[in-house]
Amino acid sequence: MRKELVWAAAASALLAGCQPAGRQQADESADVALVEAAPPADTAASAPTTAAGGPTPIVAPSIAYAYRFGLELPAEAATTLMAKHEQACIAAGASACQVIGSNSSRVGRDSVQASLEMRATPAYVARFRATLDGEAKGAGGRVAEQAVESEDLTRQLIDTEARMRAMETLRDRLQQLLATRSGPLEQLLQVERELARVQGELDATRSALAVMRTRVQTSELDVTYRAAGQLAPDSALRPVTDALGQVAHLFMSTLAALIMVLAAALPLLLVIAPLAWLGWRRRQRAQAHRKAERMKKAEDVPSA
């Protein structure tokens, strides 16, 4: 079917000089149909490209790694070590390490939570991992958690690269058709719209490919720094400190329960209190009225 379309387009080009304008427009429509009849980018990209029917070459895997570490340190050492790691990443240069983000929070004097997010080359990550344990121990802490996550992007990279090449070929054909053919305005506008759509998809594919290559060439590096102050955690006073902590928790729990009870009873009090006050006022008025009647009757009775 494709060969027939190609021969039809070639024949229409040879006969364009001796045919009327209507026939020439039909030939240009055939050229546009030939471009639209091209196989989709995914189909063309998925075809094998090995020479002489040989075996498919083995492609080196493209793996994206993410390293995560959790450090337990004294309160003052947590932020100090995080600042040291951040400055070391900046000093290494953007080609070796980049700081993506950092944050820290402090509650009281002894509770600190900080984190540092970086993206670095495998060589920088290897040096960082080799010295991290010694740095944590030198600061009076330890590496409490460490994990390595990986994602295989080999298939996605191959498919995206093939799709990009197919879209570049289609774009070039559309540009050539737009530059060499002079047809009706509607037809030219249709080709221009198709060219704009293909160019937009090509730019988006290039961006996605660049992101995946960055993920493969550099690794994500996340470090968490934690510090929670304790009063003599391993001494003989540990039971006393635990009991004091439980007493405080019990006191605050009881206070919270009382607050909840008051909050639940407040709407009822707002309704019942005015009704009770009105009832009390009514009783007071009734008693005063009865007392006045008794006094009046006593005055009307003649004395003996």
Protein backbone atom coordinates (compact mmCIF):
# COMPACT_ATOMS: atom_id res chain seq x y z
CA MET A 1 0.00 0.00 0.00
CA ARG A 2 2.83 2.38 0.86
CA LYS A 3 4.64 1.64 -2.47
CA GLU A 4 1.46 2.41 -4.35
CA LEU A 5 1.14 5.77 -2.59
CA VAL A 6 4.78 6.63 -3.38
CA TRP A 7 4.38 5.75 -7.08
CA ALA A 8 1.13 7.71 -7.20
CA ALA A 9 2.81 10.79 -5.73
CA ALA A 10 5.73 10.51 -8.22
CA ALA A 11 3.37 10.15 -11.17
CA SER A 12 1.32 13.12 -10.07
CA ALA A 13 4.48 15.26 -9.88
CA LEU A 14 5.47 14.31 -13.48
CA LEU A 15 2.02 15.07 -14.85
CA ALA A 16 1.51 18.31 -12.93
CA GLY A 17 2.94 20.47 -15.76
CA CYS A 18 0.45 19.34 -18.40
CA GLN A 19 -2.69 18.97 -16.31
CA PRO A 20 -5.25 21.62 -15.33
CA ALA A 21 -5.23 23.42 -12.00
CA GLY A 22 -7.89 21.15 -10.51
CA ARG A 23 -5.82 18.08 -11.26
CA GLN A 24 -2.74 19.70 -9.71
CA GLN A 25 -4.67 20.40 -6.49
CA ALA A 26 -5.68 16.73 -6.39
CA ASP A 27 -2.03 15.76 -6.68
CA GLU A 28 -1.15 18.05 -3.76
CA SER A 29 -3.92 16.42 -1.74
CA ALA A 30 -2.32 13.07 -2.52
CA ASP A 31 1.00 14.37 -1.12
CA VAL A 32 -0.72 15.42 2.11
CA ALA A 33 -2.44 12.04 2.28
CA LEU A 34 0.96 10.37 1.84
CA VAL A 35 2.34 12.26 4.86
CA GLU A 36 -0.71 11.43 6.95
CA ALA A 37 -0.54 7.78 5.85
CA ALA A 38 2.97 7.40 7.31
CA PRO A 39 3.14 4.85 10.09
CA PRO A 40 2.77 6.22 13.62
CA ALA A 41 5.90 7.21 15.51
CA ASP A 42 5.55 4.35 17.99
CA THR A 43 5.20 1.76 15.19
CA ALA A 44 8.20 3.06 13.27
CA ALA A 45 10.28 3.29 16.41
CA SER A 46 9.53 -0.26 17.45
CA ALA A 47 10.88 -1.80 14.20
CA PRO A 48 14.23 -3.59 14.60
CA THR A 49 17.26 -1.83 13.11
CA THR A 50 19.87 -4.59 13.23
CA ALA A 51 21.95 -5.01 10.07
CA ALA A 52 21.75 -8.19 7.93
CA GLY A 53 19.12 -9.65 10.24
CA GLY A 54 21.66 -10.15 13.03
CA PRO A 55 20.79 -10.55 16.70
CA THR A 56 19.57 -7.52 18.62
CA PRO A 57 22.53 -5.82 20.36
CA ILE A 58 22.62 -5.91 24.15
CA VAL A 59 21.91 -2.47 25.62
CA ALA A 60 23.56 -1.46 28.88
CA PRO A 61 20.89 -0.95 31.56
CA SER A 62 20.04 2.60 32.56
CA ILE A 63 19.31 2.59 36.29
CA ALA A 64 18.20 5.61 38.36
CA TYR A 65 19.31 5.34 41.99
CA ALA A 66 18.03 7.10 45.12
CA TYR A 67 20.00 6.97 48.40
CA ARG A 68 18.36 7.79 51.72
CA PHE A 69 20.12 8.13 55.10
CA GLY A 70 18.84 8.88 58.61
CA LEU A 71 21.24 10.22 61.24
CA GLU A 72 20.69 10.46 65.00
CA LEU A 73 22.84 13.22 66.46
CA PRO A 74 23.06 15.57 69.43
CA ALA A 75 20.91 18.66 69.03
CA GLU A 76 23.73 21.08 68.29
CA ALA A 77 25.53 18.69 65.96
CA ALA A 78 22.49 18.04 63.73
CA THR A 79 22.32 21.46 62.10
CA THR A 80 26.12 21.78 62.08
CA LEU A 81 26.60 18.55 60.15
CA MET A 82 23.81 19.42 57.75
CA ALA A 83 25.44 22.78 57.00
CA LYS A 84 28.77 21.00 56.45
CA HIS A 85 27.22 18.59 53.92
CA GLU A 86 25.42 21.44 52.14
CA GLN A 87 28.62 23.50 51.82
CA ALA A 88 30.57 20.47 50.57
CA CYS A 89 27.97 19.89 47.85
CA ILE A 90 28.09 23.52 46.76
CA ALA A 91 31.90 23.53 46.76
CA ALA A 92 31.98 20.41 44.54
CA GLY A 93 30.27 22.35 41.75
CA ALA A 94 27.02 21.91 39.88
CA SER A 95 28.54 19.27 37.61
CA ALA A 96 29.18 16.97 40.60
CA CYS A 97 26.49 17.89 43.16
CA GLN A 98 23.46 20.15 43.37
CA VAL A 99 21.44 21.10 46.46
CA ILE A 100 17.75 20.60 45.68
CA GLY A 101 16.35 21.68 49.04
CA SER A 102 16.94 21.85 52.78
CA ASN A 103 14.87 22.57 55.87
CA SER A 104 15.20 22.39 59.65
CA SER A 105 12.91 22.82 62.64
CA ARG A 106 13.56 23.03 66.34
CA VAL A 107 11.18 22.40 69.24
CA GLY A 108 12.51 23.52 72.59
CA ARG A 109 16.22 23.19 73.26
CA ASP A 110 16.94 19.55 72.53
CA SER A 111 14.54 18.47 69.75
CA VAL A 112 15.81 19.15 66.21
CA GLN A 113 14.59 17.82 62.84
CA ALA A 114 16.46 18.69 59.64
CA SER A 115 16.73 17.29 56.12
CA LEU A 116 18.93 17.88 53.06
CA GLU A 117 18.04 16.85 49.51
CA MET A 118 20.77 16.69 46.87
CA ARG A 119 21.42 15.27 43.40
CA ALA A 120 24.97 14.09 42.74
CA THR A 121 27.12 12.00 40.43
CA PRO A 122 27.92 8.37 41.34
CA ALA A 123 31.51 9.34 42.24
CA TYR A 124 30.32 12.01 44.69
CA VAL A 125 27.76 9.65 46.21
CA ALA A 126 30.47 6.99 46.71
CA ARG A 127 32.70 9.47 48.58
CA PHE A 128 29.74 10.69 50.64
CA ARG A 129 28.79 7.17 51.69
CA ALA A 130 32.39 6.29 52.57
CA THR A 131 32.77 9.21 55.00
CA LEU A 132 29.23 9.49 56.40
CA ASP A 133 29.60 6.93 59.20
CA GLY A 134 32.83 8.49 60.44
CA GLU A 135 31.33 11.99 60.37
CA ALA A 136 28.27 10.84 62.33
CA LYS A 137 30.40 9.15 65.01
CA GLY A 138 32.74 12.13 65.18
CA ALA A 139 29.72 14.35 65.90
CA GLY A 140 28.56 12.05 68.69
CA GLY A 141 25.83 10.28 66.74
CA ARG A 142 25.28 7.38 64.39
CA VAL A 143 23.76 6.35 61.06
CA ALA A 144 20.39 4.96 62.16
CA GLU A 145 18.84 4.32 58.74
CA GLN A 146 20.07 3.83 55.19
CA ALA A 147 18.29 2.62 52.07
CA VAL A 148 18.95 2.40 48.35
CA GLU A 149 16.12 2.51 45.80
CA SER A 150 16.49 1.90 42.06
CA GLU A 151 14.35 2.22 38.94
CA ASP A 152 15.17 0.71 35.55
CA LEU A 153 14.66 3.35 32.83
CA THR A 154 16.26 1.37 29.99
CA ARG A 155 13.06 0.61 28.11
CA GLN A 156 11.67 4.11 28.57
CA LEU A 157 14.88 5.68 27.26
CA ILE A 158 15.01 3.43 24.19
CA ASP A 159 11.33 3.99 23.39
CA THR A 160 11.59 7.76 23.89
CA GLU A 161 14.70 8.06 21.72
CA ALA A 162 13.08 6.03 18.92
CA ARG A 163 9.89 8.09 19.15
CA MET A 164 11.91 11.30 18.97
CA ARG A 165 13.76 10.16 15.83
CA ALA A 166 10.50 9.20 14.13
CA MET A 167 8.95 12.55 15.01
CA GLU A 168 12.01 14.39 13.67
CA THR A 169 11.65 12.53 10.38
CA LEU A 170 7.95 13.41 10.17
CA ARG A 171 8.71 17.05 11.00
CA ASP A 172 11.33 17.26 8.23
CA ARG A 173 8.86 15.80 5.71
CA LEU A 174 6.22 18.29 6.71
CA GLN A 175 8.66 21.19 6.45
CA GLN A 176 9.77 20.03 3.00
CA LEU A 177 6.18 19.65 1.85
CA LEU A 178 5.33 23.12 3.14
CA ALA A 179 8.36 24.67 1.42
CA THR A 180 8.04 23.00 -1.99
CA ARG A 181 4.29 22.86 -2.61
CA SER A 182 1.97 25.75 -3.36
CA GLY A 183 -1.60 24.64 -2.96
CA PRO A 184 -4.88 26.04 -1.65
CA LEU A 185 -4.69 28.14 1.50
CA GLU A 186 -6.79 25.66 3.47
CA GLN A 187 -4.43 22.82 2.60
CA LEU A 188 -1.34 24.83 3.54
CA LEU A 189 -2.93 25.82 6.84
CA GLN A 190 -3.66 22.16 7.55
CA VAL A 191 -0.01 21.27 6.94
CA GLU A 192 1.14 24.14 9.17
CA ARG A 193 -1.16 23.01 11.99
CA GLU A 194 0.15 19.46 11.71
CA LEU A 195 3.73 20.76 11.71
CA ALA A 196 3.07 22.82 14.85
CA ARG A 197 1.53 19.81 16.59
CA VAL A 198 4.46 17.55 15.69
CA GLN A 199 6.98 20.19 16.79
CA GLY A 200 5.21 20.58 20.15
CA GLU A 201 5.22 16.83 20.78
CA LEU A 202 8.87 16.70 19.72
CA ASP A 203 9.85 19.40 22.23
CA ALA A 204 7.94 17.64 25.01
CA THR A 205 9.63 14.33 24.14
CA ARG A 206 13.06 15.98 24.23
CA SER A 207 12.33 17.42 27.68
CA ALA A 208 11.20 14.03 29.00
CA LEU A 209 14.31 12.40 27.54
CA ALA A 210 16.56 15.01 29.18
CA VAL A 211 14.91 14.41 32.56
CA MET A 212 15.38 10.64 32.31
CA ARG A 213 19.02 11.01 31.29
CA THR A 214 19.62 13.31 34.25
CA ARG A 215 18.09 10.74 36.59
CA VAL A 216 20.42 8.06 35.21
CA GLN A 217 23.59 10.19 35.18
CA THR A 218 23.04 11.54 38.71
CA SER A 219 21.53 10.01 41.84
CA GLU A 220 19.07 11.38 44.38
CA LEU A 221 20.65 11.81 47.82
CA ASP A 222 18.40 12.50 50.82
CA VAL A 223 19.77 12.86 54.37
CA THR A 224 17.65 13.30 57.50
CA TYR A 225 19.17 14.64 60.73
CA ARG A 226 17.26 13.94 63.95
CA ALA A 227 17.96 14.88 67.57
CA ALA A 228 15.66 14.29 70.56
CA GLY A 229 16.96 15.38 73.96
CA GLN A 230 16.71 12.95 76.89
CA LEU A 231 17.56 13.34 80.57
CA ALA A 232 20.10 10.65 81.53
CA PRO A 233 18.50 7.92 79.38
CA ASP A 234 20.67 5.11 80.76
CA SER A 235 21.10 6.24 84.38
CA ALA A 236 19.40 5.12 87.59
CA LEU A 237 17.09 8.15 87.35
CA ARG A 238 15.47 6.83 84.20
CA PRO A 239 12.39 5.36 86.02
CA VAL A 240 11.85 8.68 87.82
CA THR A 241 12.04 10.69 84.61
CA ASP A 242 9.67 8.25 82.92
CA ALA A 243 7.21 8.54 85.84
CA LEU A 244 7.36 12.34 85.72
CA GLY A 245 6.67 12.20 82.01
CA GLN A 246 3.67 9.93 82.59
CA VAL A 247 2.32 12.20 85.34
CA ALA A 248 2.51 15.19 83.05
CA HIS A 249 0.80 13.21 80.31
CA LEU A 250 -1.95 12.06 82.70
CA PHE A 251 -2.52 15.60 84.01
CA MET A 252 -2.79 17.02 80.50
CA SER A 253 -5.08 14.17 79.42
CA THR A 254 -7.43 14.85 82.34
CA LEU A 255 -7.42 18.57 81.61
CA ALA A 256 -8.20 17.85 77.97
CA ALA A 257 -11.13 15.63 79.02
CA LEU A 258 -12.54 18.40 81.23
CA ILE A 259 -12.25 20.87 78.38
CA MET A 260 -14.14 18.47 76.11
CA VAL A 261 -16.90 18.06 78.71
CA LEU A 262 -17.25 21.82 79.12
CA ALA A 263 -17.28 22.30 75.35
CA ALA A 264 -20.06 19.71 75.02
CA ALA A 265 -22.10 21.19 77.90
CA LEU A 266 -21.74 24.85 76.87
CA PRO A 267 -24.56 24.80 74.25
CA LEU A 268 -26.91 23.21 76.81
CA LEU A 269 -25.99 25.82 79.41
CA LEU A 270 -26.70 28.61 76.94
CA VAL A 271 -30.25 27.26 76.51
CA ILE A 272 -31.02 25.98 80.02
CA ALA A 273 -29.61 28.94 81.99
CA PRO A 274 -32.02 31.56 80.54
CA LEU A 275 -35.00 29.22 81.02
CA ALA A 276 -34.01 28.52 84.63
CA TRP A 277 -33.60 32.25 85.32
CA LEU A 278 -37.05 33.00 83.84
CA GLY A 279 -38.62 30.25 85.97
CA TRP A 280 -36.93 31.58 89.08
CA ARG A 281 -38.14 35.13 88.38
CA ARG A 282 -41.67 33.85 87.83
CA ARG A 283 -41.65 32.03 91.18
CA GLN A 284 -40.35 35.12 92.92
CA ARG A 285 -43.14 37.23 91.47
CA ALA A 286 -45.77 34.63 92.42
CA GLN A 287 -44.49 34.49 96.00
CA ALA A 288 -44.46 38.28 96.24
CA HIS A 289 -48.04 38.42 94.88
CA ARG A 290 -49.29 35.83 97.38
CA LYS A 291 -47.58 37.66 100.22
CA ALA A 292 -49.20 40.94 99.20
CA GLU A 293 -52.63 39.29 99.12
CA ARG A 294 -52.17 37.83 102.59
CA MET A 295 -51.16 41.21 103.96
CA LYS A 296 -54.17 42.82 102.32
CA LYS A 297 -56.55 40.25 103.80
CA ALA A 298 -55.03 40.77 107.22
CA GLU A 299 -55.64 44.50 107.00
CA ASP A 300 -59.29 44.00 105.96
CA VAL A 301 -60.11 41.79 108.94
CA PRO A 302 -61.53 44.02 111.81
CA SER A 303 -59.75 43.82 115.04
CA ALA A 304 -61.69 42.12 117.91
